[in-house]
Amino acid sequence: MTEQRYLPDADDVTEFEATATEVGDDYLVLDGTYFYPEGGGQPADHGDLSWDGGRARVTKVRKNHGDVRHYVDEVEGDLPEDGETVAGEIDAERRAAHRRMHTAQHVVSRVVLDEYGAATAGNQIHADRSRIDFEPADFDDEDLERIERLSNEAIERDPDVVKAERSRDEVEDRVDDGRSMLDMIPDHVDPLRVVEIPEFDYCPCGGTHVDSLGDVGRVRLTNRESKGEDAERIEFELESR
């Protein structure tokens, strides 16, 4: 099983060493990794792996029954042997963009839940833009202006973003209705990694996030779209602080 070493609060690490435990035709499994595997609406990290006599580009990272597979191309030299030391270097700019975007998604989702009682039904994070689906929701332009303003006011207060493991009982007791899809997380997963913005938001989440809310920058809502009866999609981008 691959140890996901960025959890619970090492989102800022982009260089590391690990040991190869499985080598496939186009992927490597390591005993531990800081690469984020695709999931939860967040794309996988990209970057490079290198070892004695070779290197490769990581273009896709996915979980596979407890292991994390680093899919590679542009391979130079022979792939490493099992037990060989491998150095990882994550695309730091891409990681930073995803950290900002994912935390911004939490802020917007919190504001919409508080102000409109609409739950987050899905989201997709990108480095340059993101979207969130809400239901039940029926926004107008004035609503979007309010959501954007309140989101940026929260960001400007610049509290710490706390990432820690919490017992499942605590999470079930503290998380607000509509703020998490806990029923989709298997019962045996305990403790849960939680992302908390004190006095604002508390949500189980395995994604990468900033350490201080002000690092997000400014949220700019760019579009809204109906996704069916009582469902709305909001799209947003981020501006530098």
Protein backbone atom coordinates (compact mmCIF):
# COMPACT_ATOMS: atom_id res chain seq x y z
CA MET A 1 0.00 0.00 0.00
CA THR A 2 1.29 3.45 -0.92
CA GLU A 3 1.57 5.98 1.90
CA GLN A 4 0.05 9.27 0.75
CA ARG A 5 2.62 11.45 2.44
CA TYR A 6 1.05 14.80 1.64
CA LEU A 7 -1.70 13.91 4.15
CA PRO A 8 -2.77 15.39 6.41
CA ASP A 9 -0.89 18.71 6.09
CA ALA A 10 2.19 18.40 3.85
CA ASP A 11 0.57 19.93 0.76
CA ASP A 12 3.60 22.18 0.20
CA VAL A 13 6.13 19.35 -0.37
CA THR A 14 7.02 18.93 -4.04
CA GLU A 15 10.34 17.02 -3.86
CA PHE A 16 10.89 13.67 -2.14
CA GLU A 17 12.52 10.24 -2.29
CA ALA A 18 10.76 6.86 -2.08
CA THR A 19 11.28 3.20 -2.93
CA ALA A 20 9.85 1.48 -5.99
CA THR A 21 7.60 -1.42 -4.93
CA GLU A 22 6.04 -2.32 -8.31
CA VAL A 23 7.16 -1.53 -11.85
CA GLY A 24 4.73 -2.00 -14.72
CA ASP A 25 5.15 -1.37 -18.42
CA ASP A 26 4.03 2.25 -18.09
CA TYR A 27 3.75 2.96 -14.37
CA LEU A 28 5.61 2.90 -11.06
CA VAL A 29 4.25 2.22 -7.59
CA LEU A 30 6.23 3.68 -4.70
CA ASP A 31 6.10 2.90 -0.99
CA GLY A 32 5.18 6.56 -0.40
CA THR A 33 4.35 9.57 -2.53
CA TYR A 34 3.52 13.26 -2.40
CA PHE A 35 1.88 13.14 -5.85
CA TYR A 36 -1.87 13.73 -5.62
CA PRO A 37 -3.86 10.99 -7.39
CA GLU A 38 -6.87 12.08 -9.43
CA GLY A 39 -10.07 12.19 -7.38
CA GLY A 40 -12.64 14.34 -5.61
CA GLY A 41 -12.92 16.67 -8.58
CA GLN A 42 -9.20 17.49 -8.46
CA PRO A 43 -6.83 16.43 -11.26
CA ALA A 44 -3.67 14.51 -10.54
CA ASP A 45 -0.33 16.18 -10.04
CA HIS A 46 2.19 16.08 -12.90
CA GLY A 47 5.96 16.01 -12.57
CA ASP A 48 9.04 13.82 -12.92
CA LEU A 49 10.51 10.67 -11.41
CA SER A 50 14.23 9.91 -11.62
CA TRP A 51 16.49 7.07 -10.52
CA ASP A 52 20.01 5.86 -11.11
CA GLY A 53 20.38 5.79 -14.89
CA GLY A 54 16.92 7.00 -15.85
CA ARG A 55 14.02 9.40 -15.53
CA ALA A 56 10.45 9.78 -16.76
CA ARG A 57 7.61 12.25 -16.94
CA VAL A 58 4.56 11.59 -14.73
CA THR A 59 1.42 12.42 -16.71
CA LYS A 60 -1.27 10.61 -14.72
CA VAL A 61 -1.58 9.41 -11.11
CA ARG A 62 -4.35 7.07 -9.98
CA LYS A 63 -5.23 4.92 -6.99
CA ASN A 64 -5.40 1.16 -7.52
CA HIS A 65 -6.58 -0.94 -4.58
CA GLY A 66 -4.55 0.95 -1.99
CA ASP A 67 -1.56 1.58 -4.25
CA VAL A 68 -0.88 4.80 -6.14
CA ARG A 69 0.23 4.27 -9.73
CA HIS A 70 2.43 6.94 -11.32
CA TYR A 71 1.91 6.57 -15.08
CA VAL A 72 4.93 7.68 -17.05
CA ASP A 73 6.04 8.54 -20.55
CA GLU A 74 9.12 10.16 -22.12
CA VAL A 75 11.14 7.48 -20.33
CA GLU A 76 14.92 7.84 -20.49
CA GLY A 77 16.88 4.65 -19.77
CA ASP A 78 15.47 1.46 -18.28
CA LEU A 79 12.75 1.61 -15.66
CA PRO A 80 14.00 1.05 -12.09
CA GLU A 81 13.97 -2.29 -10.35
CA ASP A 82 11.78 -3.09 -7.35
CA GLY A 83 13.50 -1.79 -4.22
CA GLU A 84 15.36 0.96 -6.04
CA THR A 85 15.32 4.53 -4.74
CA VAL A 86 13.31 6.96 -6.85
CA ALA A 87 13.29 10.75 -6.57
CA GLY A 88 10.04 12.60 -7.25
CA GLU A 89 9.62 16.21 -8.33
CA ILE A 90 6.07 17.54 -8.58
CA ASP A 91 5.19 20.41 -10.92
CA ALA A 92 5.12 23.04 -8.18
CA GLU A 93 3.25 25.68 -10.20
CA ARG A 94 0.45 23.26 -11.07
CA ARG A 95 0.27 22.03 -7.45
CA ALA A 96 0.05 25.62 -6.17
CA ALA A 97 -2.76 26.43 -8.60
CA HIS A 98 -4.76 23.38 -7.53
CA ARG A 99 -4.23 24.21 -3.85
CA ARG A 100 -5.63 27.71 -4.36
CA MET A 101 -8.52 26.52 -6.52
CA HIS A 102 -9.59 23.72 -4.20
CA THR A 103 -9.61 25.97 -1.15
CA ALA A 104 -11.56 28.58 -3.13
CA GLN A 105 -14.12 25.89 -3.95
CA HIS A 106 -14.58 25.24 -0.23
CA VAL A 107 -15.14 28.96 0.38
CA VAL A 108 -17.72 29.35 -2.38
CA SER A 109 -19.49 26.15 -1.35
CA ARG A 110 -19.67 27.36 2.26
CA VAL A 111 -21.07 30.75 1.26
CA VAL A 112 -23.73 29.23 -0.97
CA LEU A 113 -24.78 26.74 1.71
CA ASP A 114 -25.02 29.47 4.34
CA GLU A 115 -26.81 32.03 2.19
CA TYR A 116 -28.99 29.87 -0.04
CA GLY A 117 -29.18 26.46 1.64
CA ALA A 118 -27.83 24.80 -1.53
CA ALA A 119 -25.52 21.79 -1.21
CA THR A 120 -22.51 21.10 -3.42
CA ALA A 121 -23.54 18.27 -5.74
CA GLY A 122 -20.23 18.11 -7.62
CA ASN A 123 -17.19 20.11 -8.60
CA GLN A 124 -14.28 20.09 -11.01
CA ILE A 125 -10.99 21.83 -10.25
CA HIS A 126 -8.57 23.03 -12.93
CA ALA A 127 -5.41 25.08 -12.68
CA ASP A 128 -6.97 28.09 -14.44
CA ARG A 129 -10.71 27.71 -13.80
CA SER A 130 -13.14 25.62 -11.80
CA ARG A 131 -16.85 24.86 -11.47
CA ILE A 132 -19.29 23.83 -8.76
CA ASP A 133 -22.75 22.33 -9.14
CA PHE A 134 -25.34 23.26 -6.50
CA GLU A 135 -28.78 21.97 -5.66
CA PRO A 136 -31.43 23.04 -4.96
CA ALA A 137 -30.48 26.36 -6.51
CA ASP A 138 -31.80 29.00 -8.91
CA PHE A 139 -29.38 31.93 -8.97
CA ASP A 140 -29.67 35.29 -10.73
CA ASP A 141 -26.99 37.90 -11.47
CA GLU A 142 -27.56 39.62 -8.14
CA ASP A 143 -27.01 36.33 -6.34
CA LEU A 144 -23.70 35.82 -8.12
CA GLU A 145 -22.54 39.29 -7.12
CA ARG A 146 -23.42 38.49 -3.51
CA ILE A 147 -21.67 35.10 -3.56
CA GLU A 148 -18.53 36.64 -5.06
CA ARG A 149 -18.49 39.49 -2.52
CA LEU A 150 -19.01 37.27 0.51
CA SER A 151 -16.41 34.77 -0.71
CA ASN A 152 -13.79 37.48 -1.11
CA GLU A 153 -14.65 39.00 2.27
CA ALA A 154 -13.98 35.61 3.87
CA ILE A 155 -10.68 35.26 2.00
CA GLU A 156 -9.57 38.75 3.00
CA ARG A 157 -9.93 37.84 6.69
CA ASP A 158 -7.05 35.43 6.02
CA PRO A 159 -7.50 32.76 8.72
CA ASP A 160 -5.32 29.66 8.81
CA VAL A 161 -6.50 26.61 6.88
CA VAL A 162 -6.17 23.68 9.28
CA LYS A 163 -5.68 20.20 7.81
CA ALA A 164 -5.77 17.33 10.29
CA GLU A 165 -7.09 13.83 10.88
CA ARG A 166 -10.29 13.69 12.92
CA SER A 167 -12.29 10.74 14.20
CA ARG A 168 -15.27 9.79 12.09
CA ASP A 169 -17.54 10.32 15.10
CA GLU A 170 -16.32 13.91 15.44
CA VAL A 171 -16.78 14.58 11.73
CA GLU A 172 -20.29 13.16 11.68
CA ASP A 173 -21.14 15.30 14.69
CA ARG A 174 -19.61 18.56 13.41
CA VAL A 175 -20.09 18.65 9.65
CA ASP A 176 -23.20 20.54 8.53
CA ASP A 177 -25.91 18.93 6.44
CA GLY A 178 -25.25 19.66 2.79
CA ARG A 179 -21.52 20.29 3.30
CA SER A 180 -20.24 16.76 2.76
CA MET A 181 -21.14 13.48 1.08
CA LEU A 182 -20.12 11.38 4.06
CA ASP A 183 -22.34 8.51 2.96
CA MET A 184 -20.02 8.03 -0.04
CA ILE A 185 -16.99 7.48 2.22
CA PRO A 186 -16.83 3.82 3.34
CA ASP A 187 -17.63 3.29 7.01
CA HIS A 188 -14.22 1.71 7.69
CA VAL A 189 -12.40 4.93 6.79
CA ASP A 190 -11.58 6.34 10.22
CA PRO A 191 -10.03 8.77 10.99
CA LEU A 192 -10.92 11.20 8.20
CA ARG A 193 -8.75 13.99 6.87
CA VAL A 194 -10.58 17.28 7.52
CA VAL A 195 -9.98 20.74 6.07
CA GLU A 196 -11.12 23.38 8.55
CA ILE A 197 -11.30 27.16 8.23
CA PRO A 198 -11.93 28.13 11.86
CA GLU A 199 -15.30 29.76 12.56
CA PHE A 200 -16.20 29.39 8.88
CA ASP A 201 -16.02 25.89 7.39
CA TYR A 202 -15.38 22.27 8.37
CA CYS A 203 -15.30 19.60 5.68
CA PRO A 204 -13.75 16.14 5.19
CA CYS A 205 -11.56 16.33 2.10
CA GLY A 206 -8.48 14.56 0.75
CA GLY A 207 -7.42 17.28 -1.69
CA THR A 208 -4.53 19.73 -1.56
CA HIS A 209 -5.14 23.14 0.03
CA VAL A 210 -3.37 26.36 0.94
CA ASP A 211 -2.20 26.96 4.52
CA SER A 212 -3.67 30.46 4.85
CA LEU A 213 -6.93 31.58 3.25
CA GLY A 214 -5.43 34.80 1.94
CA ASP A 215 -3.17 32.74 -0.32
CA VAL A 216 -6.21 31.96 -2.48
CA GLY A 217 -6.25 35.45 -3.99
CA ARG A 218 -9.58 36.81 -5.23
CA VAL A 219 -12.48 34.78 -6.55
CA ARG A 220 -14.12 36.01 -9.75
CA LEU A 221 -17.35 34.28 -10.77
CA THR A 222 -17.44 34.06 -14.55
CA ASN A 223 -20.62 32.18 -15.47
CA ARG A 224 -23.71 30.38 -14.24
CA GLU A 225 -25.64 27.69 -16.04
CA SER A 226 -28.78 25.72 -15.35
CA LYS A 227 -28.10 22.00 -15.00
CA GLY A 228 -31.72 20.94 -14.76
CA GLU A 229 -34.58 21.57 -12.38
CA ASP A 230 -33.31 23.18 -9.15
CA ALA A 231 -29.66 22.69 -10.14
CA GLU A 232 -27.15 25.42 -11.04
CA ARG A 233 -23.51 25.44 -12.05
CA ILE A 234 -21.20 28.30 -11.06
CA GLU A 235 -17.87 28.76 -12.82
CA PHE A 236 -15.04 30.82 -11.35
CA GLU A 237 -11.46 31.92 -11.81
CA LEU A 238 -8.87 33.30 -9.40
CA GLU A 239 -6.96 36.56 -9.47
CA SER A 240 -3.66 37.10 -7.70
CA ARG A 241 -3.82 38.60 -4.25
